[in-house]
N, C-alpha and C. Protein backbone atom coordinates (compact mmCIF):
# COMPACT_ATOMS: atom_id res chain seq x y z
N MET A 1 5.42 21.56 14.05
CA MET A 1 6.21 20.72 14.95
C MET A 1 7.32 20.04 14.61
N ALA A 2 8.49 20.14 15.02
CA ALA A 2 9.71 19.49 14.59
C ALA A 2 9.53 17.80 14.79
N LEU A 3 10.10 17.10 13.88
CA LEU A 3 10.08 15.92 13.90
C LEU A 3 10.97 15.03 14.77
N THR A 4 11.29 14.22 15.52
CA THR A 4 12.13 13.97 16.68
C THR A 4 12.38 12.02 15.75
N SER A 5 13.62 11.94 16.43
CA SER A 5 14.01 10.52 16.12
C SER A 5 12.88 9.56 16.26
N PHE A 6 11.74 9.60 17.53
CA PHE A 6 11.03 8.64 17.92
C PHE A 6 10.19 8.53 16.77
N ASP A 7 9.73 9.88 15.76
CA ASP A 7 9.12 9.54 14.45
C ASP A 7 9.60 9.17 13.64
N PHE A 8 10.68 9.07 13.36
CA PHE A 8 11.79 8.57 12.19
C PHE A 8 11.54 6.90 12.56
N GLN A 9 11.52 6.76 13.89
CA GLN A 9 11.41 5.30 14.42
C GLN A 9 9.99 4.66 14.08
N GLN A 10 9.21 5.38 14.46
CA GLN A 10 7.78 5.08 13.78
C GLN A 10 7.39 4.78 12.49
N ALA A 11 8.23 5.52 11.49
CA ALA A 11 8.27 5.59 9.98
C ALA A 11 8.67 3.91 9.63
N ARG A 12 9.93 4.23 10.11
CA ARG A 12 10.22 2.59 9.93
C ARG A 12 9.50 1.21 10.44
N VAL A 13 9.09 1.60 11.62
CA VAL A 13 7.81 0.29 11.82
C VAL A 13 6.93 0.11 10.99
N LYS A 14 6.29 1.55 10.50
CA LYS A 14 5.49 1.56 9.49
C LYS A 14 5.44 0.61 8.02
N GLN A 15 6.91 0.99 7.71
CA GLN A 15 7.65 0.12 6.21
C GLN A 15 7.91 -1.05 7.04
N VAL A 16 8.12 -2.15 8.18
CA VAL A 16 8.04 -3.18 8.34
C VAL A 16 6.50 -3.86 8.36
N LEU A 17 5.89 -3.53 8.77
CA LEU A 17 4.68 -3.46 9.03
C LEU A 17 3.95 -4.08 7.71
N PHE A 18 4.15 -3.17 6.44
CA PHE A 18 3.73 -3.54 5.14
C PHE A 18 4.66 -4.65 4.72
N LYS A 19 5.91 -4.85 4.81
CA LYS A 19 6.63 -5.67 4.42
C LYS A 19 5.87 -7.27 4.92
N SER A 20 5.58 -7.14 6.36
CA SER A 20 5.16 -8.11 7.08
C SER A 20 3.41 -8.63 6.33
N ARG A 21 2.72 -7.67 6.36
CA ARG A 21 1.56 -7.61 5.53
C ARG A 21 1.95 -8.33 4.26
N LEU A 22 2.69 -7.98 3.54
CA LEU A 22 2.59 -8.39 2.33
C LEU A 22 3.00 -10.10 2.11
N ARG A 23 4.43 -10.05 3.18
CA ARG A 23 4.40 -11.41 3.21
C ARG A 23 3.56 -12.41 3.85
N SER A 24 2.71 -12.35 4.35
CA SER A 24 1.58 -13.01 4.92
C SER A 24 0.32 -13.00 4.02
N VAL A 25 0.61 -12.21 2.72
CA VAL A 25 -0.56 -12.60 1.85
C VAL A 25 0.42 -13.62 1.08
N LEU A 26 1.60 -13.22 0.63
CA LEU A 26 2.06 -14.57 -0.08
C LEU A 26 2.30 -15.91 0.17
N TYR A 27 2.32 -15.85 1.28
CA TYR A 27 2.52 -17.02 2.34
C TYR A 27 1.12 -17.76 2.60
N GLY A 28 -0.32 -16.95 2.07
CA GLY A 28 -1.33 -17.41 1.99
C GLY A 28 -2.12 -17.42 3.92
N VAL A 29 -1.37 -16.61 4.36
CA VAL A 29 -2.00 -16.40 5.77
C VAL A 29 -3.01 -15.33 5.84
N ARG A 30 -3.44 -14.45 4.98
CA ARG A 30 -4.32 -13.40 5.05
C ARG A 30 -4.69 -12.82 3.62
N GLU A 31 -5.74 -12.33 2.93
CA GLU A 31 -6.10 -11.78 2.00
C GLU A 31 -5.71 -10.38 1.84
N ALA A 32 -5.46 -10.23 0.65
CA ALA A 32 -4.81 -8.54 0.15
C ALA A 32 -5.71 -7.97 0.15
N GLU A 33 -5.82 -6.61 1.25
CA GLU A 33 -6.90 -5.75 0.83
C GLU A 33 -6.22 -4.65 -0.07
N PRO A 34 -6.94 -4.18 -0.67
CA PRO A 34 -6.68 -2.91 -1.91
C PRO A 34 -6.05 -1.56 -1.01
N ALA A 35 -6.38 -1.37 0.09
CA ALA A 35 -5.99 -0.59 0.82
C ALA A 35 -4.09 -0.47 0.92
N LEU A 36 -4.16 -1.98 0.81
CA LEU A 36 -2.51 -2.20 1.17
C LEU A 36 -1.54 -1.72 0.28
N PHE A 37 -1.86 -1.60 -0.92
CA PHE A 37 -1.35 -0.93 -2.02
C PHE A 37 -1.43 0.43 -2.56
N SER A 38 -2.65 1.11 -1.62
CA SER A 38 -2.74 2.26 -1.47
C SER A 38 -1.55 3.40 -0.87
N LEU A 39 -1.27 4.36 -1.79
CA LEU A 39 0.04 5.44 -1.18
C LEU A 39 -0.84 6.05 -0.10
N ARG A 40 -2.28 6.77 -0.09
CA ARG A 40 -2.98 7.43 0.17
C ARG A 40 -2.92 6.68 1.52
N GLU A 41 -3.87 5.31 1.60
CA GLU A 41 -3.82 4.34 2.51
C GLU A 41 -2.64 3.52 3.47
N ASN A 42 -1.45 3.81 2.91
CA ASN A 42 -0.41 2.91 3.53
C ASN A 42 0.22 4.18 4.44
N PRO A 43 0.10 3.27 5.88
CA PRO A 43 0.75 4.26 6.85
C PRO A 43 1.87 4.63 6.75
N LEU A 44 2.95 4.60 6.00
CA LEU A 44 4.26 5.45 5.77
C LEU A 44 3.62 6.34 4.88
N GLY A 45 3.06 6.26 3.80
CA GLY A 45 2.70 7.45 3.13
C GLY A 45 1.72 8.20 3.69
N GLN A 46 0.86 7.50 4.95
CA GLN A 46 0.07 9.06 5.76
C GLN A 46 0.58 9.96 6.23
N TRP A 47 2.16 9.14 7.14
CA TRP A 47 2.88 9.54 8.07
C TRP A 47 3.80 10.91 7.28
N LEU A 48 3.99 10.49 6.07
CA LEU A 48 4.56 11.72 4.65
C LEU A 48 3.79 12.57 4.77
N GLN A 49 2.78 12.46 4.38
CA GLN A 49 1.63 13.47 4.21
C GLN A 49 1.40 14.19 5.27
N THR A 50 0.84 13.68 6.66
CA THR A 50 0.65 14.41 7.91
C THR A 50 1.40 15.08 8.39
N SER A 51 2.94 14.09 8.31
CA SER A 51 3.74 14.76 9.49
C SER A 51 5.11 15.23 8.80
N VAL A 52 5.17 14.72 7.78
CA VAL A 52 6.93 14.98 6.95
C VAL A 52 6.57 16.44 6.08
N LYS A 53 5.46 16.34 5.12
CA LYS A 53 5.56 17.28 4.40
C LYS A 53 5.27 18.49 4.91
N PRO A 54 4.31 18.73 5.93
CA PRO A 54 3.91 20.35 6.54
C PRO A 54 5.59 20.91 6.66
N THR A 55 5.92 19.82 7.26
CA THR A 55 7.55 20.77 7.85
C THR A 55 8.54 20.62 6.52
N LEU A 56 8.87 19.28 6.26
CA LEU A 56 10.16 18.87 5.42
C LEU A 56 9.66 18.69 4.09
N GLY A 57 8.70 19.05 3.36
CA GLY A 57 8.27 18.76 1.91
C GLY A 57 9.13 19.43 0.92
N GLY A 58 9.91 20.27 1.28
CA GLY A 58 10.85 20.65 0.61
C GLY A 58 12.14 20.29 0.21
N GLN A 59 12.17 19.03 0.90
CA GLN A 59 13.89 18.48 0.66
C GLN A 59 13.30 17.04 -0.60
N PRO A 60 14.35 17.30 -1.09
CA PRO A 60 14.21 16.30 -1.88
C PRO A 60 14.03 14.96 -1.55
N GLU A 61 14.39 14.12 -0.44
CA GLU A 61 14.20 12.88 0.18
C GLU A 61 13.07 13.09 0.09
N VAL A 62 11.98 13.79 0.74
CA VAL A 62 10.53 13.50 0.74
C VAL A 62 9.85 13.03 -0.81
N ARG A 63 10.37 14.07 -1.74
CA ARG A 63 10.13 13.32 -2.69
C ARG A 63 10.22 11.85 -3.29
N GLU A 64 11.49 11.86 -3.13
CA GLU A 64 12.29 10.28 -3.53
C GLU A 64 11.85 9.21 -2.59
N ILE A 65 11.63 9.41 -1.34
CA ILE A 65 10.89 8.73 -0.57
C ILE A 65 9.62 8.28 -1.09
N GLU A 66 8.57 9.17 -1.35
CA GLU A 66 7.26 9.14 -1.69
C GLU A 66 7.29 8.42 -3.08
N ARG A 67 8.17 8.54 -3.87
CA ARG A 67 8.47 8.11 -5.18
C ARG A 67 9.06 6.23 -5.21
N VAL A 68 9.88 6.24 -4.28
CA VAL A 68 10.13 4.80 -3.82
C VAL A 68 9.07 3.99 -3.04
N LEU A 69 8.34 4.70 -2.70
CA LEU A 69 7.40 3.86 -1.76
C LEU A 69 6.20 3.60 -2.82
N GLN A 70 5.73 3.99 -3.68
CA GLN A 70 5.09 4.13 -4.81
C GLN A 70 5.54 3.05 -5.17
N GLN A 71 6.60 3.01 -5.81
CA GLN A 71 7.34 1.67 -6.50
C GLN A 71 6.95 0.31 -5.75
N MET A 72 7.35 0.47 -4.59
CA MET A 72 7.36 -0.80 -3.61
C MET A 72 5.73 -1.13 -3.51
N LEU A 73 4.81 -0.13 -3.42
CA LEU A 73 3.74 -0.80 -3.22
C LEU A 73 2.87 -1.35 -4.75
N THR A 74 3.60 -0.65 -6.08
CA THR A 74 3.26 -1.35 -7.23
C THR A 74 3.77 -2.30 -7.18
N LYS A 75 4.91 -2.99 -6.92
CA LYS A 75 5.51 -4.08 -7.22
C LYS A 75 5.16 -5.08 -6.29
N GLY A 76 4.73 -4.68 -4.95
CA GLY A 76 4.15 -5.45 -4.23
C GLY A 76 2.58 -5.89 -4.31
N GLN A 77 2.06 -5.34 -5.08
CA GLN A 77 0.61 -5.42 -5.25
C GLN A 77 1.01 -6.27 -7.03
N ASP A 78 2.00 -6.45 -7.54
CA ASP A 78 2.13 -7.37 -8.72
C ASP A 78 2.56 -8.92 -7.82
N LEU A 79 3.31 -8.51 -7.34
CA LEU A 79 3.87 -9.80 -6.36
C LEU A 79 2.25 -10.62 -5.95
N VAL A 80 1.58 -9.97 -5.40
CA VAL A 80 0.19 -10.81 -5.29
C VAL A 80 -0.65 -11.03 -6.23
N THR A 81 -0.38 -10.21 -7.47
CA THR A 81 -1.32 -10.76 -8.81
C THR A 81 -0.54 -12.14 -9.24
N SER A 82 0.59 -12.11 -9.50
CA SER A 82 1.34 -13.16 -9.55
C SER A 82 0.88 -14.70 -8.59
N TYR A 83 0.90 -13.91 -7.22
CA TYR A 83 0.66 -15.65 -6.44
C TYR A 83 -0.58 -15.81 -6.80
N THR A 84 -1.93 -14.53 -6.99
CA THR A 84 -3.05 -15.23 -7.21
C THR A 84 -3.38 -16.37 -8.56
N ARG A 85 -2.43 -15.99 -9.34
CA ARG A 85 -2.14 -16.62 -10.66
C ARG A 85 -1.71 -18.24 -10.26
N GLY A 86 -1.10 -18.23 -9.25
CA GLY A 86 -0.33 -19.62 -9.03
C GLY A 86 1.31 -19.63 -9.39
N HIS A 87 1.77 -18.24 -9.56
CA HIS A 87 3.11 -18.26 -9.63
C HIS A 87 3.57 -18.08 -7.91
N ILE A 88 3.43 -19.17 -7.30
CA ILE A 88 3.49 -18.83 -5.80
C ILE A 88 5.08 -18.88 -5.62
N GLU A 89 6.04 -19.50 -6.06
CA GLU A 89 7.67 -19.22 -5.60
C GLU A 89 7.80 -17.92 -6.64
N GLU A 90 7.58 -17.87 -7.79
CA GLU A 90 8.44 -16.50 -8.33
C GLU A 90 7.48 -15.01 -7.52
N SER A 91 6.36 -15.27 -6.98
CA SER A 91 6.08 -14.03 -6.12
C SER A 91 6.62 -14.17 -4.74
N ARG A 92 7.27 -15.05 -4.44
CA ARG A 92 7.55 -14.82 -3.12
C ARG A 92 9.08 -14.22 -3.13
N ALA A 93 9.35 -15.00 -4.58
CA ALA A 93 10.91 -14.69 -4.81
C ALA A 93 10.91 -13.32 -4.86
N GLY A 94 10.03 -12.60 -5.32
CA GLY A 94 9.91 -11.32 -5.52
C GLY A 94 10.21 -10.13 -4.37
N LEU A 95 10.20 -10.79 -2.91
CA LEU A 95 10.16 -10.17 -1.96
C LEU A 95 11.53 -9.48 -1.52
N ASP A 96 12.46 -10.15 -2.52
CA ASP A 96 13.69 -9.00 -2.38
C ASP A 96 13.91 -7.86 -3.10
N GLN A 97 13.07 -7.83 -4.09
CA GLN A 97 12.89 -6.68 -4.47
C GLN A 97 12.56 -5.38 -3.67
N ILE A 98 11.29 -6.13 -2.65
CA ILE A 98 10.93 -5.67 -1.72
C ILE A 98 11.81 -5.00 -0.82
N ASN A 99 12.51 -5.76 -0.35
CA ASN A 99 13.77 -5.95 0.51
C ASN A 99 14.44 -4.23 0.07
N THR A 100 14.67 -4.31 -1.41
CA THR A 100 15.57 -3.24 -1.68
C THR A 100 14.85 -2.01 -1.66
N PHE A 101 13.77 -2.00 -1.97
CA PHE A 101 12.86 -0.68 -2.18
C PHE A 101 13.18 -0.26 -0.59
N ALA A 102 12.90 -1.13 0.23
CA ALA A 102 12.70 -1.02 1.57
C ALA A 102 14.08 -0.52 2.27
N ASP A 103 15.52 -1.08 1.97
CA ASP A 103 16.67 -0.45 1.94
C ASP A 103 16.67 0.93 1.62
N HIS A 104 16.48 1.17 0.61
CA HIS A 104 16.58 2.58 -0.18
C HIS A 104 15.71 3.53 0.64
N ILE A 105 14.58 3.21 1.08
CA ILE A 105 13.64 3.82 1.84
C ILE A 105 14.60 4.34 3.16
N GLU A 106 15.21 3.55 3.87
CA GLU A 106 15.72 3.47 5.04
C GLU A 106 16.95 4.49 4.65
N VAL A 107 17.51 4.58 3.82
CA VAL A 107 18.51 5.15 3.98
C VAL A 107 18.11 7.03 3.48
N LEU A 108 17.06 6.91 2.80
CA LEU A 108 16.67 8.08 2.35
C LEU A 108 15.77 8.70 4.16
N LEU A 109 15.22 7.87 4.67
CA LEU A 109 14.79 8.43 6.12
C LEU A 109 15.84 9.08 6.71
N THR A 110 17.14 8.12 6.81
CA THR A 110 18.29 8.60 7.99
C THR A 110 18.75 9.74 7.49
N ARG A 111 18.76 9.82 5.97
CA ARG A 111 19.44 11.49 5.58
C ARG A 111 18.23 12.44 5.88
N LEU A 112 17.29 12.07 5.71
CA LEU A 112 15.93 13.10 5.82
C LEU A 112 16.03 13.35 7.55
N GLU A 113 16.12 12.55 8.21
CA GLU A 113 16.18 12.43 9.88
C GLU A 113 17.67 13.33 10.30
N MET A 114 18.84 12.91 9.60
CA MET A 114 19.89 13.71 9.76
C MET A 114 19.73 15.07 9.42
N GLY A 115 19.11 15.54 8.44
CA GLY A 115 18.94 17.07 8.12
C GLY A 115 17.96 17.56 9.23
N ALA A 116 16.98 17.13 9.49
CA ALA A 116 15.59 17.59 10.35
C ALA A 116 16.56 17.62 11.42
N ALA A 117 17.24 17.07 12.28
CA ALA A 117 18.14 17.28 13.30
C ALA A 117 19.00 18.05 13.39
N VAL A 118 19.33 18.76 11.98
CA VAL A 118 20.22 19.69 12.05
C VAL A 118 19.36 20.95 12.11
N ALA A 119 18.33 21.15 11.28
CA ALA A 119 17.28 22.32 11.28
C ALA A 119 16.58 22.79 12.64
């Protein structure tokens, strides 16, 4: 089944959801669940696995999105560890790095979406 622009929009929402959940942990609103940092349990990671890889898995953008997503999840986990150790301001400042990863993923999603539309 071909991916639509709606599918890619949903992927973008999944990424925003991760950032929102991470931010709420770093601001003391919620506890960090281990699943938050798991590529297999991350909604965007699941979307890549179930929707993208079966049809577009050979595209270099897919591997790059997965790589950058893993880096973003690892950095997020590092920020939460820093937060729990009392380095609150430093951990919150690290959200800029999360945004950098997210921006890179956005560029890759756009490339992948444009390629999927052509195919």
